Amino acid sequence: MFYETAKNDHGLPHNPFKAIVSPRPIGWISSLDADGRTNLAPYSFFNAVGDRPPIVMFSSSGYKDSAANVDATGEFVCNMASWDLKDEMNVSSAPVSGDTSEFELAGLDMAPSRLVKAPRVAKAATALECKHLQTLKLKDLDGVETDNWIVFGQVVGVHIDESILVDGKVDVTRFKPLSRLGYMEYAAVTEVFEMVRPNV
């Protein structure tokens, strides 16, 4: 089958786009607003986009609290959403008012960060402390502004629970990171395999 996205004429009961672009890692973003109130929200449009220096991004459909907070304070933390925290992650995705702390809503303890003011999820196996680089509002092919915002941050500090280290490497099967698929579906990484890049 083939369909044009502008026409959205796929004939399926649900748009398949996000099911095709999957799995997507989840950026569980904690931030503070200008008044110091905490916010925590998962973003499935998230990834690392550089390693020297390490840079991550998350994209928000609509100018939501996370993007506004990062623009206001210049800082955020990306916490690992893992299998054992799936329910708390899901609760933190609820649309609530800006004065509601998703940490409290989900029953999550906060831990202090070292280099940024935003707290991190205490139980998260890893957390990336980030400082804001830039926020972009995307335009479409016709140059029309969309309501999609990309926030870039440089990772300035990394927290790792030592229980997930095996022989000096992070073992993802020990904490089972979550990924977002299409529809309301998620996956957890429980198996890995290795391939060495060939020399041709």
N, C-alpha and C. Protein backbone atom coordinates (compact mmCIF):
# COMPACT_ATOMS: atom_id res chain seq x y z
N MET A 1 0.84 -1.19 0.00
CA MET A 1 0.00 0.00 0.00
C MET A 1 0.88 1.24 0.00
N PHE A 2 0.29 2.35 -0.36
CA PHE A 2 0.96 3.64 -0.37
C PHE A 2 -0.08 4.70 -0.06
N TYR A 3 0.34 5.70 0.73
CA TYR A 3 -0.57 6.83 0.93
C TYR A 3 0.23 8.12 1.03
N GLU A 4 -0.40 9.22 0.66
CA GLU A 4 0.21 10.54 0.77
C GLU A 4 -0.17 11.13 2.12
N THR A 5 0.83 11.59 2.86
CA THR A 5 0.56 12.07 4.21
C THR A 5 -0.33 13.31 4.22
N ALA A 6 -0.23 14.13 3.19
CA ALA A 6 -1.08 15.33 3.14
C ALA A 6 -2.56 14.96 3.02
N LYS A 7 -2.82 13.85 2.32
CA LYS A 7 -4.20 13.37 2.16
C LYS A 7 -4.61 12.43 3.29
N ASN A 8 -3.61 11.79 3.93
CA ASN A 8 -3.87 10.84 5.01
C ASN A 8 -4.87 9.77 4.58
N ASP A 9 -4.72 9.33 3.31
CA ASP A 9 -5.70 8.42 2.71
C ASP A 9 -5.26 6.96 2.81
N HIS A 10 -4.77 6.56 3.99
CA HIS A 10 -4.29 5.18 4.16
C HIS A 10 -5.42 4.18 4.33
N GLY A 11 -6.60 4.64 4.71
CA GLY A 11 -7.74 3.74 4.87
C GLY A 11 -7.68 2.86 6.10
N LEU A 12 -6.70 3.06 6.95
CA LEU A 12 -6.57 2.26 8.17
C LEU A 12 -7.31 2.93 9.33
N PRO A 13 -7.66 2.17 10.35
CA PRO A 13 -8.41 2.77 11.46
C PRO A 13 -7.58 3.77 12.27
N HIS A 14 -6.23 3.66 12.21
CA HIS A 14 -5.36 4.59 12.93
C HIS A 14 -4.17 4.94 12.04
N ASN A 15 -3.67 6.15 12.20
CA ASN A 15 -2.51 6.60 11.44
C ASN A 15 -1.30 5.72 11.79
N PRO A 16 -0.65 5.10 10.79
CA PRO A 16 0.45 4.16 11.08
C PRO A 16 1.82 4.81 11.26
N PHE A 17 1.92 6.13 11.10
CA PHE A 17 3.24 6.77 11.06
C PHE A 17 4.09 6.44 12.28
N LYS A 18 3.54 6.64 13.48
CA LYS A 18 4.35 6.44 14.68
C LYS A 18 4.62 4.96 14.95
N ALA A 19 3.81 4.08 14.39
CA ALA A 19 4.10 2.65 14.51
C ALA A 19 5.25 2.25 13.59
N ILE A 20 5.39 2.97 12.49
CA ILE A 20 6.48 2.68 11.55
C ILE A 20 7.80 3.21 12.09
N VAL A 21 7.78 4.42 12.63
CA VAL A 21 9.01 5.00 13.20
C VAL A 21 9.08 4.55 14.67
N SER A 22 9.49 3.33 14.86
CA SER A 22 9.54 2.75 16.20
C SER A 22 10.58 1.63 16.21
N PRO A 23 11.11 1.29 17.37
CA PRO A 23 10.82 1.90 18.68
C PRO A 23 11.51 3.24 18.83
N ARG A 24 10.93 4.09 19.67
CA ARG A 24 11.51 5.40 19.96
C ARG A 24 11.84 5.48 21.44
N PRO A 25 13.07 5.86 21.80
CA PRO A 25 13.39 6.00 23.21
C PRO A 25 12.54 7.10 23.83
N ILE A 26 12.32 6.99 25.11
CA ILE A 26 11.48 7.96 25.83
C ILE A 26 12.35 8.90 26.64
N GLY A 27 12.23 10.17 26.38
CA GLY A 27 12.90 11.17 27.19
C GLY A 27 11.96 11.59 28.31
N TRP A 28 12.29 11.18 29.53
CA TRP A 28 11.45 11.50 30.69
C TRP A 28 12.03 12.76 31.31
N ILE A 29 11.47 13.90 30.92
CA ILE A 29 12.09 15.20 31.16
C ILE A 29 11.60 15.82 32.46
N SER A 30 12.55 16.09 33.35
CA SER A 30 12.21 16.84 34.56
C SER A 30 12.77 18.25 34.43
N SER A 31 12.00 19.21 34.92
CA SER A 31 12.39 20.62 34.79
C SER A 31 11.75 21.42 35.91
N LEU A 32 12.17 22.65 36.01
CA LEU A 32 11.58 23.62 36.94
C LEU A 32 11.04 24.79 36.14
N ASP A 33 9.93 25.36 36.60
CA ASP A 33 9.46 26.57 35.95
C ASP A 33 10.16 27.77 36.59
N ALA A 34 9.83 28.95 36.13
CA ALA A 34 10.52 30.16 36.60
C ALA A 34 10.31 30.40 38.08
N ASP A 35 9.25 29.84 38.65
CA ASP A 35 8.95 29.99 40.07
C ASP A 35 9.48 28.83 40.91
N GLY A 36 10.20 27.89 40.26
CA GLY A 36 10.80 26.79 41.00
C GLY A 36 9.91 25.58 41.19
N ARG A 37 8.75 25.54 40.51
CA ARG A 37 7.86 24.39 40.62
C ARG A 37 8.33 23.27 39.69
N THR A 38 8.21 22.03 40.16
CA THR A 38 8.72 20.88 39.39
C THR A 38 7.73 20.41 38.34
N ASN A 39 8.29 19.87 37.27
CA ASN A 39 7.50 19.28 36.20
C ASN A 39 8.22 18.02 35.73
N LEU A 40 7.45 17.00 35.37
CA LEU A 40 8.01 15.75 34.86
C LEU A 40 7.08 15.21 33.79
N ALA A 41 7.63 14.95 32.60
CA ALA A 41 6.78 14.49 31.50
C ALA A 41 7.59 13.63 30.53
N PRO A 42 6.96 12.56 30.00
CA PRO A 42 7.65 11.71 29.02
C PRO A 42 7.44 12.21 27.59
N TYR A 43 8.50 12.13 26.79
CA TYR A 43 8.44 12.52 25.38
C TYR A 43 9.01 11.39 24.53
N SER A 44 8.19 10.88 23.60
CA SER A 44 8.68 9.79 22.75
C SER A 44 9.38 10.31 21.50
N PHE A 45 9.26 11.60 21.21
CA PHE A 45 10.09 12.20 20.18
C PHE A 45 11.34 12.72 20.89
N PHE A 46 12.27 11.81 21.10
CA PHE A 46 13.47 12.09 21.89
C PHE A 46 14.62 11.26 21.34
N ASN A 47 15.84 11.82 21.41
CA ASN A 47 16.99 11.02 21.05
C ASN A 47 18.28 11.79 21.33
N ALA A 48 19.40 11.06 21.25
CA ALA A 48 20.71 11.69 21.25
C ALA A 48 21.04 12.08 19.82
N VAL A 49 21.60 13.27 19.65
CA VAL A 49 21.92 13.75 18.30
C VAL A 49 23.38 14.12 18.14
N GLY A 50 24.18 13.87 19.16
CA GLY A 50 25.61 14.13 19.07
C GLY A 50 26.29 13.53 20.28
N ASP A 51 27.61 13.25 20.14
CA ASP A 51 28.33 12.69 21.28
C ASP A 51 29.58 13.47 21.66
N ARG A 52 30.03 14.41 20.82
CA ARG A 52 31.20 15.21 21.14
C ARG A 52 30.92 16.67 20.81
N PRO A 53 30.29 17.41 21.69
CA PRO A 53 29.82 17.02 23.03
C PRO A 53 28.51 16.25 22.95
N PRO A 54 28.13 15.57 24.03
CA PRO A 54 26.86 14.84 24.02
C PRO A 54 25.67 15.81 24.01
N ILE A 55 24.81 15.64 23.02
CA ILE A 55 23.64 16.50 22.86
C ILE A 55 22.40 15.63 22.70
N VAL A 56 21.33 16.01 23.38
CA VAL A 56 20.05 15.32 23.24
C VAL A 56 18.99 16.32 22.82
N MET A 57 17.88 15.78 22.33
CA MET A 57 16.76 16.63 21.96
C MET A 57 15.46 15.96 22.36
N PHE A 58 14.45 16.76 22.63
CA PHE A 58 13.08 16.25 22.72
C PHE A 58 12.18 17.21 21.97
N SER A 59 11.14 16.64 21.41
CA SER A 59 10.22 17.44 20.59
C SER A 59 8.84 17.40 21.20
N SER A 60 8.23 18.57 21.27
CA SER A 60 6.92 18.72 21.89
C SER A 60 5.90 19.14 20.84
N SER A 61 4.81 18.39 20.76
CA SER A 61 3.68 18.79 19.90
C SER A 61 2.84 19.77 20.70
N GLY A 62 3.04 21.03 20.44
CA GLY A 62 2.47 22.08 21.26
C GLY A 62 3.53 22.59 22.22
N TYR A 63 3.45 23.85 22.56
CA TYR A 63 4.44 24.46 23.45
C TYR A 63 4.05 24.14 24.89
N LYS A 64 4.43 22.95 25.32
CA LYS A 64 4.02 22.45 26.63
C LYS A 64 4.96 22.93 27.73
N ASP A 65 4.62 22.54 28.97
CA ASP A 65 5.35 23.04 30.14
C ASP A 65 6.84 22.74 30.07
N SER A 66 7.21 21.53 29.61
CA SER A 66 8.63 21.18 29.58
C SER A 66 9.43 22.16 28.72
N ALA A 67 8.94 22.41 27.51
CA ALA A 67 9.65 23.32 26.61
C ALA A 67 9.68 24.73 27.20
N ALA A 68 8.57 25.18 27.75
CA ALA A 68 8.51 26.52 28.33
C ALA A 68 9.46 26.63 29.52
N ASN A 69 9.51 25.58 30.34
CA ASN A 69 10.39 25.61 31.51
C ASN A 69 11.86 25.67 31.10
N VAL A 70 12.24 24.87 30.10
CA VAL A 70 13.62 24.87 29.65
C VAL A 70 14.00 26.23 29.08
N ASP A 71 13.09 26.81 28.31
CA ASP A 71 13.37 28.14 27.76
C ASP A 71 13.53 29.16 28.88
N ALA A 72 12.75 29.00 29.96
CA ALA A 72 12.79 29.98 31.06
C ALA A 72 14.00 29.81 31.95
N THR A 73 14.44 28.56 32.18
CA THR A 73 15.49 28.31 33.17
C THR A 73 16.81 27.86 32.56
N GLY A 74 16.77 27.34 31.32
CA GLY A 74 17.99 26.92 30.66
C GLY A 74 18.52 25.57 31.09
N GLU A 75 17.67 24.76 31.77
CA GLU A 75 18.15 23.48 32.29
C GLU A 75 17.04 22.43 32.25
N PHE A 76 17.44 21.15 32.20
CA PHE A 76 16.51 20.04 32.36
C PHE A 76 17.30 18.77 32.62
N VAL A 77 16.58 17.72 33.01
CA VAL A 77 17.18 16.40 33.22
C VAL A 77 16.39 15.40 32.42
N CYS A 78 17.09 14.49 31.74
CA CYS A 78 16.45 13.39 31.04
C CYS A 78 16.66 12.13 31.87
N ASN A 79 15.57 11.62 32.45
CA ASN A 79 15.60 10.44 33.30
C ASN A 79 15.26 9.20 32.49
N MET A 80 15.85 8.06 32.87
CA MET A 80 15.58 6.82 32.16
C MET A 80 14.21 6.27 32.56
N ALA A 81 13.35 6.10 31.58
CA ALA A 81 12.07 5.42 31.79
C ALA A 81 12.30 3.93 31.59
N SER A 82 12.16 3.16 32.64
CA SER A 82 12.47 1.73 32.59
C SER A 82 11.25 0.91 32.98
N TRP A 83 11.39 -0.39 32.79
CA TRP A 83 10.26 -1.31 33.03
C TRP A 83 9.67 -1.16 34.42
N ASP A 84 10.53 -1.03 35.43
CA ASP A 84 10.03 -0.96 36.80
C ASP A 84 9.38 0.38 37.11
N LEU A 85 9.53 1.36 36.24
CA LEU A 85 8.91 2.67 36.45
C LEU A 85 7.86 2.98 35.40
N LYS A 86 7.40 1.95 34.68
CA LYS A 86 6.46 2.19 33.58
C LYS A 86 5.16 2.83 34.05
N ASP A 87 4.64 2.39 35.18
CA ASP A 87 3.36 2.93 35.67
C ASP A 87 3.51 4.39 36.09
N GLU A 88 4.61 4.69 36.78
CA GLU A 88 4.86 6.07 37.19
C GLU A 88 5.08 6.97 35.97
N MET A 89 5.80 6.45 34.98
CA MET A 89 5.99 7.21 33.75
C MET A 89 4.65 7.53 33.10
N ASN A 90 3.77 6.54 33.06
CA ASN A 90 2.47 6.73 32.44
C ASN A 90 1.64 7.77 33.20
N VAL A 91 1.66 7.70 34.52
CA VAL A 91 0.92 8.68 35.33
C VAL A 91 1.43 10.09 35.05
N SER A 92 2.73 10.22 34.89
CA SER A 92 3.32 11.55 34.67
C SER A 92 2.96 12.14 33.31
N SER A 93 2.37 11.32 32.44
CA SER A 93 1.96 11.82 31.12
C SER A 93 0.59 12.47 31.15
N ALA A 94 -0.11 12.41 32.29
CA ALA A 94 -1.47 12.96 32.37
C ALA A 94 -1.45 14.47 32.18
N PRO A 95 -2.41 14.99 31.42
CA PRO A 95 -2.49 16.45 31.25
C PRO A 95 -3.02 17.10 32.53
N VAL A 96 -2.15 17.78 33.24
CA VAL A 96 -2.54 18.44 34.49
C VAL A 96 -2.10 19.90 34.43
N SER A 97 -2.58 20.69 35.37
CA SER A 97 -2.25 22.12 35.40
C SER A 97 -0.77 22.31 35.74
N GLY A 98 -0.24 23.45 35.37
CA GLY A 98 1.17 23.72 35.58
C GLY A 98 1.60 23.77 37.03
N ASP A 99 0.65 23.97 37.94
CA ASP A 99 1.00 24.01 39.36
C ASP A 99 0.93 22.64 40.02
N THR A 100 0.69 21.59 39.23
CA THR A 100 0.67 20.22 39.76
C THR A 100 2.01 19.56 39.49
N SER A 101 2.62 19.01 40.54
CA SER A 101 3.89 18.31 40.38
C SER A 101 3.63 16.86 39.99
N GLU A 102 4.12 16.47 38.82
CA GLU A 102 3.97 15.08 38.39
C GLU A 102 4.77 14.13 39.26
N PHE A 103 5.80 14.63 39.92
CA PHE A 103 6.53 13.81 40.89
C PHE A 103 5.58 13.34 41.99
N GLU A 104 4.84 14.30 42.54
CA GLU A 104 3.87 13.96 43.60
C GLU A 104 2.74 13.12 43.05
N LEU A 105 2.25 13.47 41.88
CA LEU A 105 1.15 12.75 41.26
C LEU A 105 1.48 11.28 41.07
N ALA A 106 2.72 10.99 40.66
CA ALA A 106 3.14 9.62 40.38
C ALA A 106 3.78 8.94 41.59
N GLY A 107 3.89 9.65 42.71
CA GLY A 107 4.48 9.06 43.90
C GLY A 107 5.97 8.81 43.77
N LEU A 108 6.66 9.71 43.08
CA LEU A 108 8.10 9.55 42.83
C LEU A 108 8.92 10.46 43.72
N ASP A 109 9.98 9.92 44.29
CA ASP A 109 10.92 10.72 45.05
C ASP A 109 11.85 11.46 44.11
N MET A 110 12.20 12.67 44.49
CA MET A 110 13.17 13.45 43.73
C MET A 110 14.55 13.31 44.35
N ALA A 111 15.56 13.42 43.52
CA ALA A 111 16.95 13.46 43.99
C ALA A 111 17.60 14.71 43.41
N PRO A 112 18.51 15.32 44.16
CA PRO A 112 19.14 16.54 43.64
C PRO A 112 20.10 16.23 42.50
N SER A 113 20.17 17.15 41.56
CA SER A 113 21.17 17.07 40.50
C SER A 113 22.45 17.74 41.00
N ARG A 114 23.54 17.59 40.26
CA ARG A 114 24.82 18.16 40.67
C ARG A 114 25.09 19.50 39.99
N LEU A 115 24.77 19.59 38.69
CA LEU A 115 25.17 20.76 37.91
C LEU A 115 24.00 21.60 37.42
N VAL A 116 22.77 21.11 37.59
CA VAL A 116 21.58 21.87 37.23
C VAL A 116 20.64 21.89 38.42
N LYS A 117 19.71 22.83 38.43
CA LYS A 117 18.78 22.96 39.56
C LYS A 117 17.61 21.99 39.47
N ALA A 118 17.26 21.56 38.26
CA ALA A 118 16.12 20.65 38.10
C ALA A 118 16.43 19.33 38.80
N PRO A 119 15.47 18.77 39.54
CA PRO A 119 15.70 17.49 40.21
C PRO A 119 15.61 16.34 39.23
N ARG A 120 16.08 15.18 39.66
CA ARG A 120 15.96 13.98 38.85
C ARG A 120 15.09 12.97 39.57
N VAL A 121 14.65 11.95 38.84
CA VAL A 121 13.87 10.86 39.42
C VAL A 121 14.83 9.98 40.22
N ALA A 122 14.60 9.87 41.52
CA ALA A 122 15.55 9.18 42.39
C ALA A 122 15.74 7.72 41.98
N LYS A 123 14.67 7.05 41.53
CA LYS A 123 14.75 5.63 41.21
C LYS A 123 15.22 5.35 39.79
N ALA A 124 15.42 6.38 38.99
CA ALA A 124 15.84 6.15 37.60
C ALA A 124 17.25 5.59 37.56
N ALA A 125 17.46 4.58 36.71
CA ALA A 125 18.77 3.93 36.62
C ALA A 125 19.83 4.86 36.04
N THR A 126 19.42 5.76 35.19
CA THR A 126 20.34 6.77 34.65
C THR A 126 19.61 8.09 34.56
N ALA A 127 20.38 9.16 34.58
CA ALA A 127 19.81 10.50 34.41
C ALA A 127 20.87 11.38 33.76
N LEU A 128 20.45 12.18 32.80
CA LEU A 128 21.34 13.07 32.07
C LEU A 128 21.00 14.51 32.45
N GLU A 129 21.94 15.18 33.10
CA GLU A 129 21.75 16.59 33.41
C GLU A 129 22.09 17.41 32.17
N CYS A 130 21.20 18.30 31.78
CA CYS A 130 21.36 19.02 30.52
C CYS A 130 21.20 20.52 30.69
N LYS A 131 21.95 21.25 29.87
CA LYS A 131 21.79 22.70 29.77
C LYS A 131 21.33 23.05 28.36
N HIS A 132 20.41 23.98 28.30
CA HIS A 132 19.70 24.32 27.07
C HIS A 132 20.64 24.92 26.02
N LEU A 133 20.52 24.43 24.80
CA LEU A 133 21.26 24.99 23.67
C LEU A 133 20.37 25.88 22.81
N GLN A 134 19.25 25.33 22.35
CA GLN A 134 18.33 26.12 21.53
C GLN A 134 16.99 25.43 21.43
N THR A 135 15.97 26.21 21.11
CA THR A 135 14.63 25.67 20.85
C THR A 135 14.22 26.12 19.45
N LEU A 136 13.77 25.17 18.65
CA LEU A 136 13.35 25.47 17.28
C LEU A 136 11.86 25.22 17.12
N LYS A 137 11.18 26.15 16.46
CA LYS A 137 9.79 25.94 16.06
C LYS A 137 9.81 25.53 14.60
N LEU A 138 9.32 24.34 14.29
CA LEU A 138 9.46 23.79 12.95
C LEU A 138 8.47 24.41 11.96
N LYS A 139 8.91 24.46 10.70
CA LYS A 139 8.06 24.91 9.60
C LYS A 139 7.83 23.74 8.65
N ASP A 140 6.73 23.76 7.91
CA ASP A 140 6.45 22.71 6.95
C ASP A 140 7.04 23.07 5.58
N LEU A 141 6.73 22.25 4.57
CA LEU A 141 7.30 22.46 3.23
C LEU A 141 6.92 23.80 2.62
N ASP A 142 5.80 24.35 3.05
CA ASP A 142 5.34 25.64 2.53
C ASP A 142 5.86 26.81 3.34
N GLY A 143 6.71 26.52 4.32
CA GLY A 143 7.25 27.59 5.15
C GLY A 143 6.31 28.05 6.24
N VAL A 144 5.23 27.30 6.44
CA VAL A 144 4.25 27.66 7.46
C VAL A 144 4.69 27.08 8.80
N GLU A 145 4.66 27.90 9.84
CA GLU A 145 5.05 27.42 11.16
C GLU A 145 4.07 26.36 11.66
N THR A 146 4.63 25.29 12.21
CA THR A 146 3.81 24.25 12.82
C THR A 146 3.81 24.46 14.33
N ASP A 147 3.07 23.62 15.04
CA ASP A 147 3.06 23.70 16.50
C ASP A 147 3.95 22.61 17.08
N ASN A 148 5.07 22.36 16.39
CA ASN A 148 6.05 21.38 16.84
C ASN A 148 7.33 22.10 17.23
N TRP A 149 7.81 21.81 18.44
CA TRP A 149 8.96 22.49 19.01
C TRP A 149 10.04 21.48 19.36
N ILE A 150 11.28 21.75 18.98
CA ILE A 150 12.40 20.87 19.33
C ILE A 150 13.32 21.60 20.29
N VAL A 151 13.58 20.96 21.41
CA VAL A 151 14.46 21.52 22.44
C VAL A 151 15.76 20.72 22.44
N PHE A 152 16.87 21.42 22.28
CA PHE A 152 18.19 20.79 22.30
C PHE A 152 18.90 21.13 23.60
N GLY A 153 19.56 20.13 24.17
CA GLY A 153 20.34 20.37 25.38
C GLY A 153 21.66 19.63 25.33
N GLN A 154 22.68 20.24 25.91
CA GLN A 154 23.98 19.58 26.03
C GLN A 154 24.06 18.88 27.37
N VAL A 155 24.44 17.61 27.34
CA VAL A 155 24.56 16.83 28.57
C VAL A 155 25.83 17.27 29.29
N VAL A 156 25.65 17.74 30.53
CA VAL A 156 26.81 18.21 31.30
C VAL A 156 27.14 17.27 32.47
N GLY A 157 26.23 16.36 32.78
CA GLY A 157 26.47 15.42 33.87
C GLY A 157 25.65 14.17 33.68
N VAL A 158 26.20 13.03 34.09
CA VAL A 158 25.53 11.73 33.90
C VAL A 158 25.51 10.97 35.21
N HIS A 159 24.33 10.52 35.60
CA HIS A 159 24.17 9.66 36.77
C HIS A 159 23.91 8.22 36.30
N ILE A 160 24.59 7.26 36.89
CA ILE A 160 24.40 5.84 36.56
C ILE A 160 24.32 5.05 37.86
N ASP A 161 23.26 4.28 38.01
CA ASP A 161 23.16 3.35 39.13
C ASP A 161 24.17 2.23 38.87
N GLU A 162 25.10 2.04 39.80
CA GLU A 162 26.18 1.08 39.56
C GLU A 162 25.68 -0.36 39.44
N SER A 163 24.44 -0.62 39.86
CA SER A 163 23.91 -1.98 39.75
C SER A 163 23.67 -2.39 38.30
N ILE A 164 23.66 -1.43 37.37
CA ILE A 164 23.42 -1.77 35.96
C ILE A 164 24.73 -1.90 35.18
N LEU A 165 25.86 -1.76 35.87
CA LEU A 165 27.16 -1.90 35.21
C LEU A 165 27.64 -3.34 35.31
N VAL A 166 28.02 -3.90 34.17
CA VAL A 166 28.57 -5.26 34.12
C VAL A 166 29.84 -5.22 33.29
N ASP A 167 30.94 -5.60 33.89
CA ASP A 167 32.25 -5.58 33.21
C ASP A 167 32.55 -4.22 32.60
N GLY A 168 32.18 -3.18 33.33
CA GLY A 168 32.49 -1.83 32.87
C GLY A 168 31.56 -1.27 31.82
N LYS A 169 30.48 -1.98 31.50
CA LYS A 169 29.53 -1.51 30.49
C LYS A 169 28.13 -1.42 31.09
N VAL A 170 27.34 -0.46 30.57
CA VAL A 170 25.93 -0.39 30.96
C VAL A 170 25.20 -1.56 30.33
N ASP A 171 24.54 -2.37 31.15
CA ASP A 171 23.80 -3.54 30.69
C ASP A 171 22.31 -3.19 30.70
N VAL A 172 21.78 -2.90 29.52
CA VAL A 172 20.38 -2.45 29.46
C VAL A 172 19.40 -3.53 29.89
N THR A 173 19.79 -4.79 29.82
CA THR A 173 18.87 -5.84 30.24
C THR A 173 18.67 -5.84 31.75
N ARG A 174 19.50 -5.11 32.47
CA ARG A 174 19.34 -5.03 33.92
C ARG A 174 18.26 -4.02 34.32
N PHE A 175 17.99 -3.03 33.46
CA PHE A 175 16.95 -2.05 33.83
C PHE A 175 15.84 -1.94 32.79
N LYS A 176 16.02 -2.58 31.64
CA LYS A 176 14.96 -2.71 30.64
C LYS A 176 14.35 -1.35 30.25
N PRO A 177 15.10 -0.55 29.51
CA PRO A 177 14.56 0.75 29.09
C PRO A 177 13.30 0.59 28.26
N LEU A 178 12.38 1.52 28.46
CA LEU A 178 11.13 1.51 27.71
C LEU A 178 11.29 2.26 26.40
N SER A 179 10.54 1.83 25.41
CA SER A 179 10.47 2.57 24.16
C SER A 179 9.01 2.69 23.76
N ARG A 180 8.72 3.71 23.00
CA ARG A 180 7.36 3.94 22.54
C ARG A 180 7.21 3.38 21.13
N LEU A 181 6.11 2.70 20.90
CA LEU A 181 5.80 2.18 19.58
C LEU A 181 4.64 3.02 19.04
N GLY A 182 3.79 2.43 18.22
CA GLY A 182 2.63 3.16 17.73
C GLY A 182 1.45 2.98 18.66
N TYR A 183 0.39 3.76 18.38
CA TYR A 183 -0.86 3.61 19.11
C TYR A 183 -0.61 3.80 20.61
N MET A 184 -1.08 2.89 21.46
CA MET A 184 -0.82 2.95 22.90
C MET A 184 0.18 1.89 23.32
N GLU A 185 1.06 1.48 22.41
CA GLU A 185 1.96 0.35 22.65
C GLU A 185 3.36 0.82 23.06
N TYR A 186 3.94 0.03 23.95
CA TYR A 186 5.30 0.26 24.41
C TYR A 186 6.08 -1.06 24.30
N ALA A 187 7.39 -0.97 24.43
CA ALA A 187 8.24 -2.16 24.47
C ALA A 187 9.33 -1.92 25.50
N ALA A 188 9.84 -3.02 26.04
CA ALA A 188 10.97 -2.96 26.96
C ALA A 188 12.10 -3.78 26.38
N VAL A 189 13.32 -3.26 26.48
CA VAL A 189 14.48 -3.98 25.95
C VAL A 189 14.88 -5.06 26.96
N THR A 190 14.75 -6.31 26.54
CA THR A 190 15.11 -7.43 27.42
C THR A 190 16.20 -8.32 26.82
N GLU A 191 16.45 -8.16 25.52
CA GLU A 191 17.48 -8.95 24.85
C GLU A 191 18.31 -8.04 23.96
N VAL A 192 19.59 -8.35 23.87
CA VAL A 192 20.47 -7.60 22.97
C VAL A 192 21.33 -8.59 22.20
N PHE A 193 21.87 -8.14 21.06
CA PHE A 193 22.86 -8.93 20.34
C PHE A 193 23.92 -7.98 19.84
N GLU A 194 25.07 -8.51 19.54
CA GLU A 194 26.21 -7.68 19.15
C GLU A 194 26.63 -7.99 17.73
N MET A 195 26.95 -6.94 16.98
CA MET A 195 27.56 -7.07 15.68
C MET A 195 28.72 -6.09 15.59
N VAL A 196 29.84 -6.57 15.08
CA VAL A 196 31.02 -5.72 14.94
C VAL A 196 31.02 -5.13 13.54
N ARG A 197 31.25 -3.83 13.45
CA ARG A 197 31.29 -3.16 12.16
C ARG A 197 32.42 -3.72 11.31
N PRO A 198 32.12 -4.13 10.07
CA PRO A 198 33.15 -4.76 9.25
C PRO A 198 34.13 -3.77 8.67
N ASN A 199 35.33 -4.25 8.42
CA ASN A 199 36.32 -3.48 7.65
C ASN A 199 36.31 -3.99 6.23
N VAL A 200 35.91 -3.16 5.30
CA VAL A 200 35.79 -3.61 3.89
C VAL A 200 36.93 -3.00 3.09
